[in-house]
Amino acid sequence: MAQVVPLELNEAAALRMVRKLAADSSRIVIELGHCRKQMRKRGVTRPQVEQCLRKGTITEGPFVNQHGNWQVNLFRHAAGEELTCTVAIEWATQLLVITVF
Protein backbone atom coordinates (compact mmCIF):
# COMPACT_ATOMS: atom_id res chain seq x y z
CA MET A 1 0.00 0.00 0.00
CA ALA A 2 1.49 3.35 -1.07
CA GLN A 3 1.89 6.01 1.56
CA VAL A 4 0.01 9.25 1.08
CA VAL A 5 2.12 12.39 0.75
CA PRO A 6 1.35 14.62 3.74
CA LEU A 7 -0.30 17.99 3.13
CA GLU A 8 1.82 19.53 5.89
CA LEU A 9 5.35 18.64 6.91
CA ASN A 10 7.53 20.14 9.61
CA GLU A 11 11.32 20.13 9.63
CA ALA A 12 11.62 17.30 12.18
CA ALA A 13 9.30 14.98 10.24
CA ALA A 14 11.10 15.79 6.97
CA LEU A 15 14.46 15.02 8.57
CA ARG A 16 13.15 11.69 9.92
CA MET A 17 11.97 10.69 6.43
CA VAL A 18 15.27 11.75 4.80
CA ARG A 19 17.27 9.77 7.38
CA LYS A 20 15.02 6.71 6.97
CA LEU A 21 15.38 6.70 3.18
CA ALA A 22 19.10 7.62 3.19
CA ALA A 23 19.87 4.61 5.40
CA ASP A 24 19.50 2.50 2.22
CA SER A 25 21.86 3.89 -0.44
CA SER A 26 19.78 2.29 -3.21
CA ARG A 27 17.02 4.79 -2.32
CA ILE A 28 19.31 7.76 -3.06
CA VAL A 29 19.02 8.80 -6.70
CA ILE A 30 21.54 11.28 -8.02
CA GLU A 31 19.71 13.15 -10.77
CA LEU A 32 21.36 12.93 -14.16
CA GLY A 33 22.56 16.08 -15.82
CA HIS A 34 22.76 19.09 -13.55
CA CYS A 35 23.55 17.30 -10.28
CA ARG A 36 26.25 15.08 -11.75
CA LYS A 37 27.79 18.08 -13.53
CA GLN A 38 27.89 20.04 -10.26
CA MET A 39 29.40 17.07 -8.41
CA ARG A 40 32.21 16.79 -10.98
CA LYS A 41 32.77 20.56 -10.98
CA ARG A 42 33.04 20.68 -7.18
CA GLY A 43 34.81 17.34 -6.68
CA VAL A 44 31.94 15.89 -4.63
CA THR A 45 31.67 12.10 -4.36
CA ARG A 46 28.60 9.91 -3.87
CA PRO A 47 29.76 8.88 -0.35
CA GLN A 48 29.94 12.58 0.59
CA VAL A 49 26.38 13.09 -0.66
CA GLU A 50 25.19 10.02 1.25
CA GLN A 51 26.79 11.26 4.48
CA CYS A 52 25.26 14.71 3.99
CA LEU A 53 21.82 13.09 3.72
CA ARG A 54 22.40 10.79 6.69
CA LYS A 55 23.97 13.31 9.07
CA GLY A 56 23.28 16.80 7.71
CA THR A 57 20.89 19.41 9.04
CA ILE A 58 18.04 21.07 7.16
CA THR A 59 18.85 24.65 6.22
CA GLU A 60 15.86 25.32 3.93
CA GLY A 61 12.45 23.75 3.65
CA PRO A 62 10.51 21.64 3.72
CA PHE A 63 8.38 23.00 0.91
CA VAL A 64 6.49 21.43 -1.99
CA ASN A 65 8.38 21.87 -5.28
CA GLN A 66 6.93 22.28 -8.78
CA HIS A 67 6.73 18.47 -9.19
CA GLY A 68 4.61 18.00 -6.06
CA ASN A 69 7.42 16.53 -3.94
CA TRP A 70 8.57 17.83 -0.58
CA GLN A 71 12.02 19.39 -0.93
CA VAL A 72 14.76 20.36 1.53
CA ASN A 73 18.33 21.59 1.57
CA LEU A 74 20.65 19.66 3.88
CA PHE A 75 24.01 21.01 5.07
CA ARG A 76 26.95 19.04 6.46
CA HIS A 77 30.31 20.24 7.71
CA ALA A 78 32.88 17.47 8.17
CA ALA A 79 36.67 17.28 8.02
CA GLY A 80 36.90 20.92 6.97
CA GLU A 81 34.54 20.45 4.05
CA GLU A 82 31.09 21.97 3.70
CA LEU A 83 28.41 20.48 1.47
CA THR A 84 24.77 21.35 0.82
CA CYS A 85 22.48 18.94 -1.03
CA THR A 86 19.11 19.92 -2.45
CA VAL A 87 16.86 16.89 -2.20
CA ALA A 88 13.31 16.09 -3.29
CA ILE A 89 11.52 13.40 -1.28
CA GLU A 90 9.56 10.99 -3.47
CA TRP A 91 7.41 10.18 -0.51
CA ALA A 92 8.42 7.06 1.41
CA THR A 93 10.22 5.57 -1.61
CA GLN A 94 13.37 7.50 -2.55
CA LEU A 95 15.40 10.71 -2.37
CA LEU A 96 16.18 12.61 -5.56
CA VAL A 97 19.37 14.65 -5.23
CA ILE A 98 18.75 17.70 -7.42
CA THR A 99 22.03 19.57 -6.92
CA VAL A 100 25.01 19.98 -4.61
CA PHE A 101 26.93 23.10 -3.63
PDB file of N, CA and C in Angstrom:
ATOM      1  N   MET A   1       0.834  -1.180   0.000  1.00  0.00           N
ATOM      2  CA  MET A   1       0.000   0.000   0.000  1.00  0.00           C
ATOM      3  C   MET A   1       0.881   1.246   0.000  1.00  0.00           C
ATOM      4  N   ALA A   2       0.694   2.133  -0.957  1.00  0.00           N
ATOM      5  CA  ALA A   2       1.491   3.352  -1.070  1.00  0.00           C
ATOM      6  C   ALA A   2       1.117   4.328   0.044  1.00  0.00           C
ATOM      7  N   GLN A   3       2.144   5.014   0.528  1.00  0.00           N
ATOM      8  CA  GLN A   3       1.895   6.015   1.562  1.00  0.00           C
ATOM      9  C   GLN A   3       1.439   7.307   0.909  1.00  0.00           C
ATOM     10  N   VAL A   4       0.542   7.988   1.579  1.00  0.00           N
ATOM     11  CA  VAL A   4       0.014   9.251   1.084  1.00  0.00           C
ATOM     12  C   VAL A   4       0.975  10.372   1.451  1.00  0.00           C
ATOM     13  N   VAL A   5       1.258  11.240   0.494  1.00  0.00           N
ATOM     14  CA  VAL A   5       2.117  12.391   0.749  1.00  0.00           C
ATOM     15  C   VAL A   5       1.380  13.334   1.690  1.00  0.00           C
ATOM     16  N   PRO A   6       2.028  13.739   2.789  1.00  0.00           N
ATOM     17  CA  PRO A   6       1.345  14.617   3.738  1.00  0.00           C
ATOM     18  C   PRO A   6       1.118  16.011   3.161  1.00  0.00           C
ATOM     19  N   LEU A   7       0.008  16.633   3.572  1.00  0.00           N
ATOM     20  CA  LEU A   7      -0.298  17.995   3.133  1.00  0.00           C
ATOM     21  C   LEU A   7       0.541  19.018   3.877  1.00  0.00           C
ATOM     22  N   GLU A   8       0.945  18.668   5.092  1.00  0.00           N
ATOM     23  CA  GLU A   8       1.819  19.532   5.890  1.00  0.00           C
ATOM     24  C   GLU A   8       2.987  18.701   6.364  1.00  0.00           C
ATOM     25  N   LEU A   9       4.149  19.347   6.481  1.00  0.00           N
ATOM     26  CA  LEU A   9       5.350  18.642   6.913  1.00  0.00           C
ATOM     27  C   LEU A   9       6.246  19.614   7.650  1.00  0.00           C
ATOM     28  N   ASN A  10       6.601  19.274   8.880  1.00  0.00           N
ATOM     29  CA  ASN A  10       7.528  20.139   9.608  1.00  0.00           C
ATOM     30  C   ASN A  10       8.959  19.639   9.405  1.00  0.00           C
ATOM     31  N   GLU A  11       9.911  20.437   9.849  1.00  0.00           N
ATOM     32  CA  GLU A  11      11.320  20.125   9.629  1.00  0.00           C
ATOM     33  C   GLU A  11      11.723  18.796  10.271  1.00  0.00           C
ATOM     34  N   ALA A  12      11.258  18.537  11.482  1.00  0.00           N
ATOM     35  CA  ALA A  12      11.618  17.300  12.184  1.00  0.00           C
ATOM     36  C   ALA A  12      11.105  16.066  11.440  1.00  0.00           C
ATOM     37  N   ALA A  13       9.869  16.111  10.968  1.00  0.00           N
ATOM     38  CA  ALA A  13       9.303  14.977  10.236  1.00  0.00           C
ATOM     39  C   ALA A  13      10.012  14.777   8.896  1.00  0.00           C
ATOM     40  N   ALA A  14      10.358  15.880   8.235  1.00  0.00           N
ATOM     41  CA  ALA A  14      11.097  15.794   6.968  1.00  0.00           C
ATOM     42  C   ALA A  14      12.459  15.148   7.205  1.00  0.00           C
ATOM     43  N   LEU A  15      13.140  15.574   8.267  1.00  0.00           N
ATOM     44  CA  LEU A  15      14.460  15.021   8.570  1.00  0.00           C
ATOM     45  C   LEU A  15      14.374  13.534   8.893  1.00  0.00           C
ATOM     46  N   ARG A  16      13.342  13.123   9.624  1.00  0.00           N
ATOM     47  CA  ARG A  16      13.151  11.695   9.919  1.00  0.00           C
ATOM     48  C   ARG A  16      12.989  10.890   8.633  1.00  0.00           C
ATOM     49  N   MET A  17      12.192  11.404   7.687  1.00  0.00           N
ATOM     50  CA  MET A  17      11.972  10.690   6.431  1.00  0.00           C
ATOM     51  C   MET A  17      13.265  10.629   5.604  1.00  0.00           C
ATOM     52  N   VAL A  18      13.998  11.734   5.544  1.00  0.00           N
ATOM     53  CA  VAL A  18      15.267  11.747   4.801  1.00  0.00           C
ATOM     54  C   VAL A  18      16.223  10.720   5.402  1.00  0.00           C
ATOM     55  N   ARG A  19      16.361  10.723   6.715  1.00  0.00           N
ATOM     56  CA  ARG A  19      17.269   9.774   7.382  1.00  0.00           C
ATOM     57  C   ARG A  19      16.842   8.318   7.126  1.00  0.00           C
ATOM     58  N   LYS A  20      15.540   8.071   7.200  1.00  0.00           N
ATOM     59  CA  LYS A  20      15.017   6.715   6.972  1.00  0.00           C
ATOM     60  C   LYS A  20      15.362   6.245   5.560  1.00  0.00           C
ATOM     61  N   LEU A  21      15.107   7.085   4.562  1.00  0.00           N
ATOM     62  CA  LEU A  21      15.375   6.703   3.178  1.00  0.00           C
ATOM     63  C   LEU A  21      16.874   6.635   2.891  1.00  0.00           C
ATOM     64  N   ALA A  22      17.655   7.566   3.454  1.00  0.00           N
ATOM     65  CA  ALA A  22      19.096   7.620   3.191  1.00  0.00           C
ATOM     66  C   ALA A  22      19.847   6.447   3.815  1.00  0.00           C
ATOM     67  N   ALA A  23      19.228   5.767   4.781  1.00  0.00           N
ATOM     68  CA  ALA A  23      19.871   4.608   5.403  1.00  0.00           C
ATOM     69  C   ALA A  23      20.128   3.506   4.377  1.00  0.00           C
ATOM     70  N   ASP A  24      19.336   3.474   3.301  1.00  0.00           N
ATOM     71  CA  ASP A  24      19.496   2.495   2.217  1.00  0.00           C
ATOM     72  C   ASP A  24      19.996   3.262   0.992  1.00  0.00           C
ATOM     73  N   SER A  25      21.269   3.102   0.656  1.00  0.00           N
ATOM     74  CA  SER A  25      21.859   3.892  -0.435  1.00  0.00           C
ATOM     75  C   SER A  25      21.165   3.663  -1.779  1.00  0.00           C
ATOM     76  N   SER A  26      20.476   2.526  -1.942  1.00  0.00           N
ATOM     77  CA  SER A  26      19.775   2.293  -3.207  1.00  0.00           C
ATOM     78  C   SER A  26      18.560   3.212  -3.352  1.00  0.00           C
ATOM     79  N   ARG A  27      18.150   3.859  -2.268  1.00  0.00           N
ATOM     80  CA  ARG A  27      17.015   4.787  -2.321  1.00  0.00           C
ATOM     81  C   ARG A  27      17.467   6.230  -2.577  1.00  0.00           C
ATOM     82  N   ILE A  28      18.778   6.431  -2.753  1.00  0.00           N
ATOM     83  CA  ILE A  28      19.314   7.760  -3.055  1.00  0.00           C
ATOM     84  C   ILE A  28      19.597   7.814  -4.550  1.00  0.00           C
ATOM     85  N   VAL A  29      18.868   8.671  -5.249  1.00  0.00           N
ATOM     86  CA  VAL A  29      19.017   8.796  -6.700  1.00  0.00           C
ATOM     87  C   VAL A  29      19.675  10.139  -6.996  1.00  0.00           C
ATOM     88  N   ILE A  30      20.854  10.068  -7.616  1.00  0.00           N
ATOM     89  CA  ILE A  30      21.545  11.281  -8.022  1.00  0.00           C
ATOM     90  C   ILE A  30      21.011  11.621  -9.411  1.00  0.00           C
ATOM     91  N   GLU A  31      20.327  12.758  -9.500  1.00  0.00           N
ATOM     92  CA  GLU A  31      19.706  13.147 -10.770  1.00  0.00           C
ATOM     93  C   GLU A  31      20.770  13.304 -11.859  1.00  0.00           C
ATOM     94  N   LEU A  32      20.457  12.797 -13.017  1.00  0.00           N
ATOM     95  CA  LEU A  32      21.364  12.930 -14.159  1.00  0.00           C
ATOM     96  C   LEU A  32      21.437  14.387 -14.576  1.00  0.00           C
ATOM     97  N   GLY A  33      22.452  14.719 -15.304  1.00  0.00           N
ATOM     98  CA  GLY A  33      22.558  16.081 -15.823  1.00  0.00           C
ATOM     99  C   GLY A  33      23.124  17.038 -14.803  1.00  0.00           C
ATOM    100  N   HIS A  34      22.290  17.984 -14.375  1.00  0.00           N
ATOM    101  CA  HIS A  34      22.764  19.094 -13.547  1.00  0.00           C
ATOM    102  C   HIS A  34      23.502  18.638 -12.293  1.00  0.00           C
ATOM    103  N   CYS A  35      22.937  17.728 -11.541  1.00  0.00           N
ATOM    104  CA  CYS A  35      23.555  17.304 -10.284  1.00  0.00           C
ATOM    105  C   CYS A  35      24.917  16.656 -10.528  1.00  0.00           C
ATOM    106  N   ARG A  36      24.973  15.751 -11.463  1.00  0.00           N
ATOM    107  CA  ARG A  36      26.250  15.081 -11.746  1.00  0.00           C
ATOM    108  C   ARG A  36      27.296  16.077 -12.228  1.00  0.00           C
ATOM    109  N   LYS A  37      26.873  17.041 -13.035  1.00  0.00           N
ATOM    110  CA  LYS A  37      27.787  18.079 -13.527  1.00  0.00           C
ATOM    111  C   LYS A  37      28.337  18.899 -12.347  1.00  0.00           C
ATOM    112  N   GLN A  38      27.460  19.264 -11.417  1.00  0.00           N
ATOM    113  CA  GLN A  38      27.890  20.041 -10.257  1.00  0.00           C
ATOM    114  C   GLN A  38      28.815  19.226  -9.344  1.00  0.00           C
ATOM    115  N   MET A  39      28.530  17.933  -9.226  1.00  0.00           N
ATOM    116  CA  MET A  39      29.397  17.072  -8.412  1.00  0.00           C
ATOM    117  C   MET A  39      30.800  17.008  -9.011  1.00  0.00           C
ATOM    118  N   ARG A  40      30.891  16.829 -10.317  1.00  0.00           N
ATOM    119  CA  ARG A  40      32.206  16.792 -10.978  1.00  0.00           C
ATOM    120  C   ARG A  40      32.923  18.127 -10.806  1.00  0.00           C
ATOM    121  N   LYS A  41      32.199  19.204 -11.053  1.00  0.00           N
ATOM    122  CA  LYS A  41      32.768  20.559 -10.975  1.00  0.00           C
ATOM    123  C   LYS A  41      33.334  20.850  -9.586  1.00  0.00           C
ATOM    124  N   ARG A  42      32.643  20.382  -8.554  1.00  0.00           N
ATOM    125  CA  ARG A  42      33.044  20.682  -7.175  1.00  0.00           C
ATOM    126  C   ARG A  42      33.834  19.547  -6.507  1.00  0.00           C
ATOM    127  N   GLY A  43      34.048  18.459  -7.226  1.00  0.00           N
ATOM    128  CA  GLY A  43      34.809  17.342  -6.675  1.00  0.00           C
ATOM    129  C   GLY A  43      34.084  16.624  -5.551  1.00  0.00           C
ATOM    130  N   VAL A  44      32.758  16.545  -5.651  1.00  0.00           N
ATOM    131  CA  VAL A  44      31.941  15.892  -4.626  1.00  0.00           C
ATOM    132  C   VAL A  44      31.695  14.444  -5.037  1.00  0.00           C
ATOM    133  N   THR A  45      31.869  13.523  -4.088  1.00  0.00           N
ATOM    134  CA  THR A  45      31.669  12.098  -4.360  1.00  0.00           C
ATOM    135  C   THR A  45      30.301  11.629  -3.848  1.00  0.00           C
ATOM    136  N   ARG A  46      29.869  10.486  -4.349  1.00  0.00           N
ATOM    137  CA  ARG A  46      28.602   9.912  -3.872  1.00  0.00           C
ATOM    138  C   ARG A  46      28.636   9.649  -2.365  1.00  0.00           C
ATOM    139  N   PRO A  47      29.732   9.071  -1.814  1.00  0.00           N
ATOM    140  CA  PRO A  47      29.760   8.881  -0.353  1.00  0.00           C
ATOM    141  C   PRO A  47      29.590  10.189   0.431  1.00  0.00           C
ATOM    142  N   GLN A  48      30.123  11.285  -0.082  1.00  0.00           N
ATOM    143  CA  GLN A  48      29.945  12.577   0.595  1.00  0.00           C
ATOM    144  C   GLN A  48      28.469  12.981   0.577  1.00  0.00           C
ATOM    145  N   VAL A  49      27.816  12.773  -0.555  1.00  0.00           N
ATOM    146  CA  VAL A  49      26.384  13.091  -0.660  1.00  0.00           C
ATOM    147  C   VAL A  49      25.591  12.218   0.317  1.00  0.00           C
ATOM    148  N   GLU A  50      25.896  10.926   0.358  1.00  0.00           N
ATOM    149  CA  GLU A  50      25.187  10.019   1.252  1.00  0.00           C
ATOM    150  C   GLU A  50      25.353  10.443   2.709  1.00  0.00           C
ATOM    151  N   GLN A  51      26.559  10.829   3.095  1.00  0.00           N
ATOM    152  CA  GLN A  51      26.788  11.258   4.477  1.00  0.00           C
ATOM    153  C   GLN A  51      26.078  12.572   4.782  1.00  0.00           C
ATOM    154  N   CYS A  52      25.999  13.455   3.806  1.00  0.00           N
ATOM    155  CA  CYS A  52      25.259  14.710   3.988  1.00  0.00           C
ATOM    156  C   CYS A  52      23.790  14.397   4.263  1.00  0.00           C
ATOM    157  N   LEU A  53      23.221  13.453   3.529  1.00  0.00           N
ATOM    158  CA  LEU A  53      21.816  13.093   3.718  1.00  0.00           C
ATOM    159  C   LEU A  53      21.593  12.364   5.041  1.00  0.00           C
ATOM    160  N   ARG A  54      22.561  11.573   5.456  1.00  0.00           N
ATOM    161  CA  ARG A  54      22.404  10.790   6.688  1.00  0.00           C
ATOM    162  C   ARG A  54      22.671  11.591   7.954  1.00  0.00           C
ATOM    163  N   LYS A  55      23.538  12.609   7.851  1.00  0.00           N
ATOM    164  CA  LYS A  55      23.968  13.307   9.065  1.00  0.00           C
ATOM    165  C   LYS A  55      23.818  14.821   9.009  1.00  0.00           C
ATOM    166  N   GLY A  56      23.388  15.354   7.863  1.00  0.00           N
ATOM    167  CA  GLY A  56      23.280  16.798   7.712  1.00  0.00           C
ATOM    168  C   GLY A  56      22.075  17.380   8.437  1.00  0.00           C
ATOM    169  N   THR A  57      22.012  18.703   8.435  1.00  0.00           N
ATOM    170  CA  THR A  57      20.890  19.411   9.044  1.00  0.00           C
ATOM    171  C   THR A  57      20.145  20.186   7.959  1.00  0.00           C
ATOM    172  N   ILE A  58      18.861  20.339   8.137  1.00  0.00           N
ATOM    173  CA  ILE A  58      18.040  21.066   7.162  1.00  0.00           C
ATOM    174  C   ILE A  58      18.289  22.560   7.321  1.00  0.00           C
ATOM    175  N   THR A  59      18.617  23.207   6.210  1.00  0.00           N
ATOM    176  CA  THR A  59      18.849  24.655   6.219  1.00  0.00           C
ATOM    177  C   THR A  59      17.747  25.411   5.479  1.00  0.00           C
ATOM    178  N   GLU A  60      16.983  24.703   4.652  1.00  0.00           N
ATOM    179  CA  GLU A  60      15.865  25.317   3.930  1.00  0.00           C
ATOM    180  C   GLU A  60      14.797  24.263   3.703  1.00  0.00           C
ATOM    181  N   GLY A  61      13.555  24.674   3.857  1.00  0.00           N
ATOM    182  CA  GLY A  61      12.450  23.751   3.655  1.00  0.00           C
ATOM    183  C   GLY A  61      11.983  23.185   4.979  1.00  0.00           C
ATOM    184  N   PRO A  62      11.063  22.264   4.915  1.00  0.00           N
ATOM    185  CA  PRO A  62      10.511  21.640   3.721  1.00  0.00           C
ATOM    186  C   PRO A  62       9.450  22.493   3.033  1.00  0.00           C
ATOM    187  N   PHE A  63       9.420  22.368   1.717  1.00  0.00           N
ATOM    188  CA  PHE A  63       8.375  22.997   0.911  1.00  0.00           C
ATOM    189  C   PHE A  63       8.067  22.069  -0.258  1.00  0.00           C
ATOM    190  N   VAL A  64       6.885  22.251  -0.847  1.00  0.00           N
ATOM    191  CA  VAL A  64       6.488  21.432  -1.992  1.00  0.00           C
ATOM    192  C   VAL A  64       7.035  22.092  -3.255  1.00  0.00           C
ATOM    193  N   ASN A  65       7.799  21.321  -4.040  1.00  0.00           N
ATOM    194  CA  ASN A  65       8.376  21.870  -5.280  1.00  0.00           C
ATOM    195  C   ASN A  65       7.386  21.785  -6.437  1.00  0.00           C
ATOM    196  N   GLN A  66       7.822  22.211  -7.618  1.00  0.00           N
ATOM    197  CA  GLN A  66       6.927  22.275  -8.781  1.00  0.00           C
ATOM    198  C   GLN A  66       6.475  20.902  -9.266  1.00  0.00           C
ATOM    199  N   HIS A  67       7.119  19.829  -8.797  1.00  0.00           N
ATOM    200  CA  HIS A  67       6.732  18.474  -9.188  1.00  0.00           C
ATOM    201  C   HIS A  67       5.842  17.806  -8.144  1.00  0.00           C
ATOM    202  N   GLY A  68       5.497  18.543  -7.088  1.00  0.00           N
ATOM    203  CA  GLY A  68       4.611  18.004  -6.060  1.00  0.00           C
ATOM    204  C   GLY A  68       5.313  17.199  -4.985  1.00  0.00           C
ATOM    205  N   ASN A  69       6.657  17.229  -4.968  1.00  0.00           N
ATOM    206  CA  ASN A  69       7.424  16.526  -3.938  1.00  0.00           C
ATOM    207  C   ASN A  69       7.877  17.507  -2.868  1.00  0.00           C
ATOM    208  N   TRP A  70       7.975  17.023  -1.632  1.00  0.00           N
ATOM    209  CA  TRP A  70       8.571  17.829  -0.583  1.00  0.00           C
ATOM    210  C   TRP A  70      10.061  17.949  -0.862  1.00  0.00           C
ATOM    211  N   GLN A  71      10.617  19.132  -0.625  1.00  0.00           N
ATOM    212  CA  GLN A  71      12.019  19.389  -0.935  1.00  0.00           C
ATOM    213  C   GLN A  71      12.686  20.085   0.243  1.00  0.00           C
ATOM    214  N   VAL A  72      13.958  19.734   0.474  1.00  0.00           N
ATOM    215  CA  VAL A  72      14.757  20.357   1.532  1.00  0.00           C
ATOM    216  C   VAL A  72      16.183  20.548   1.053  1.00  0.00           C
ATOM    217  N   ASN A  73      16.888  21.470   1.712  1.00  0.00           N
ATOM    218  CA  ASN A  73      18.334  21.593   1.566  1.00  0.00           C
ATOM    219  C   ASN A  73      18.939  21.059   2.851  1.00  0.00           C
ATOM    220  N   LEU A  74      19.937  20.196   2.723  1.00  0.00           N
ATOM    221  CA  LEU A  74      20.650  19.658   3.878  1.00  0.00           C
ATOM    222  C   LEU A  74      22.102  20.107   3.821  1.00  0.00           C
ATOM    223  N   PHE A  75      22.645  20.515   4.972  1.00  0.00           N
ATOM    224  CA  PHE A  75      24.014  21.008   5.067  1.00  0.00           C
ATOM    225  C   PHE A  75      24.809  20.101   5.992  1.00  0.00           C
ATOM    226  N   ARG A  76      26.049  19.827   5.602  1.00  0.00           N
ATOM    227  CA  ARG A  76      26.954  19.035   6.459  1.00  0.00           C
ATOM    228  C   ARG A  76      28.341  19.637   6.402  1.00  0.00           C
ATOM    229  N   HIS A  77      28.931  19.790   7.577  1.00  0.00           N
ATOM    230  CA  HIS A  77      30.313  20.240   7.706  1.00  0.00           C
ATOM    231  C   HIS A  77      31.088  19.100   8.348  1.00  0.00           C
ATOM    232  N   ALA A  78      32.077  18.579   7.636  1.00  0.00           N
ATOM    233  CA  ALA A  78      32.880  17.468   8.167  1.00  0.00           C
ATOM    234  C   ALA A  78      34.281  17.530   7.590  1.00  0.00           C
ATOM    235  N   ALA A  79      35.261  17.316   8.430  1.00  0.00           N
ATOM    236  CA  ALA A  79      36.670  17.277   8.020  1.00  0.00           C
ATOM    237  C   ALA A  79      37.056  18.515   7.211  1.00  0.00           C
ATOM    238  N   GLY A  80      36.557  19.669   7.635  1.00  0.00           N
ATOM    239  CA  GLY A  80      36.905  20.920   6.973  1.00  0.00           C
ATOM    240  C   GLY A  80      36.181  21.174   5.663  1.00  0.00           C
ATOM    241  N   GLU A  81      35.279  20.285   5.293  1.00  0.00           N
ATOM    242  CA  GLU A  81      34.535  20.445   4.049  1.00  0.00           C
ATOM    243  C   GLU A  81      33.077  20.752   4.356  1.00  0.00           C
ATOM    244  N   GLU A  82      32.498  21.636   3.562  1.00  0.00           N
ATOM    245  CA  GLU A  82      31.086  21.969   3.695  1.00  0.00           C
ATOM    246  C   GLU A  82      30.364  21.540   2.429  1.00  0.00           C
ATOM    247  N   LEU A  83      29.190  20.952   2.608  1.00  0.00           N
ATOM    248  CA  LEU A  83      28.409  20.478   1.468  1.00  0.00           C
ATOM    249  C   LEU A  83      26.935  20.715   1.750  1.00  0.00           C
ATOM    250  N   THR A  84      26.224  21.235   0.760  1.00  0.00           N
ATOM    251  CA  THR A  84      24.773  21.351   0.822  1.00  0.00           C
ATOM    252  C   THR A  84      24.196  20.543  -0.328  1.00  0.00           C
ATOM    253  N   CYS A  85      23.186  19.735  -0.024  1.00  0.00           N
ATOM    254  CA  CYS A  85      22.480  18.941  -1.029  1.00  0.00           C
ATOM    255  C   CYS A  85      21.026  19.389  -1.066  1.00  0.00           C
ATOM    256  N   THR A  86      20.528  19.641  -2.264  1.00  0.00           N
ATOM    257  CA  THR A  86      19.111  19.924  -2.447  1.00  0.00           C
ATOM    258  C   THR A  86      18.456  18.611  -2.841  1.00  0.00           C
ATOM    259  N   VAL A  87      17.443  18.213  -2.051  1.00  0.00           N
ATOM    260  CA  VAL A  87      16.856  16.886  -2.199  1.00  0.00           C
ATOM    261  C   VAL A  87      15.337  16.961  -2.249  1.00  0.00           C
ATOM    262  N   ALA A  88      14.764  16.250  -3.225  1.00  0.00           N
ATOM    263  CA  ALA A  88      13.307  16.087  -3.286  1.00  0.00           C
ATOM    264  C   ALA A  88      12.990  14.712  -2.714  1.00  0.00           C
ATOM    265  N   ILE A  89      11.938  14.657  -1.898  1.00  0.00           N
ATOM    266  CA  ILE A  89      11.523  13.397  -1.280  1.00  0.00           C
ATOM    267  C   ILE A  89      10.376  12.822  -2.104  1.00  0.00           C
ATOM    268  N   GLU A  90      10.647  11.728  -2.828  1.00  0.00           N
ATOM    269  CA  GLU A  90       9.564  10.990  -3.473  1.00  0.00           C
ATOM    270  C   GLU A  90       8.992  10.154  -2.357  1.00  0.00           C
ATOM    271  N   TRP A  91       7.875  10.587  -1.827  1.00  0.00           N
ATOM    272  CA  TRP A  91       7.409  10.177  -0.513  1.00  0.00           C
ATOM    273  C   TRP A  91       7.509   8.685  -0.234  1.00  0.00           C
ATOM    274  N   ALA A  92       8.255   8.398   0.840  1.00  0.00           N
ATOM    275  CA  ALA A  92       8.416   7.058   1.406  1.00  0.00           C
ATOM    276  C   ALA A  92       9.052   6.054   0.443  1.00  0.00           C
ATOM    277  N   THR A  93       9.596   6.522  -0.693  1.00  0.00           N
ATOM    278  CA  THR A  93      10.224   5.574  -1.612  1.00  0.00           C
ATOM    279  C   THR A  93      11.690   5.900  -1.894  1.00  0.00           C
ATOM    280  N   GLN A  94      11.990   7.169  -2.228  1.00  0.00           N
ATOM    281  CA  GLN A  94      13.373   7.505  -2.553  1.00  0.00           C
ATOM    282  C   GLN A  94      13.649   8.990  -2.409  1.00  0.00           C
ATOM    283  N   LEU A  95      14.954   9.327  -2.416  1.00  0.00           N
ATOM    284  CA  LEU A  95      15.402  10.711  -2.366  1.00  0.00           C
ATOM    285  C   LEU A  95      16.024  11.044  -3.709  1.00  0.00           C
ATOM    286  N   LEU A  96      15.610  12.154  -4.285  1.00  0.00           N
ATOM    287  CA  LEU A  96      16.182  12.606  -5.558  1.00  0.00           C
ATOM    288  C   LEU A  96      17.111  13.786  -5.261  1.00  0.00           C
ATOM    289  N   VAL A  97      18.408  13.583  -5.465  1.00  0.00           N
ATOM    290  CA  VAL A  97      19.371  14.647  -5.226  1.00  0.00           C
ATOM    291  C   VAL A  97      19.373  15.532  -6.468  1.00  0.00           C
ATOM    292  N   ILE A  98      18.924  16.775  -6.301  1.00  0.00           N
ATOM    293  CA  ILE A  98      18.750  17.698  -7.420  1.00  0.00           C
ATOM    294  C   ILE A  98      20.056  18.405  -7.743  1.00  0.00           C
ATOM    295  N   THR A  99      20.748  18.890  -6.716  1.00  0.00           N
ATOM    296  CA  THR A  99      22.026  19.565  -6.916  1.00  0.00           C
ATOM    297  C   THR A  99      22.822  19.543  -5.634  1.00  0.00           C
ATOM    298  N   VAL A 100      24.105  19.866  -5.759  1.00  0.00           N
ATOM    299  CA  VAL A 100      25.012  19.980  -4.606  1.00  0.00           C
ATOM    300  C   VAL A 100      25.778  21.289  -4.743  1.00  0.00           C
ATOM    301  N   PHE A 101      26.091  21.888  -3.615  1.00  0.00           N
ATOM    302  CA  PHE A 101      26.934  23.099  -3.627  1.00  0.00           C
ATOM    303  C   PHE A 101      27.601  23.261  -2.284  1.00  0.00           C
TER     304      PHE A 101
END
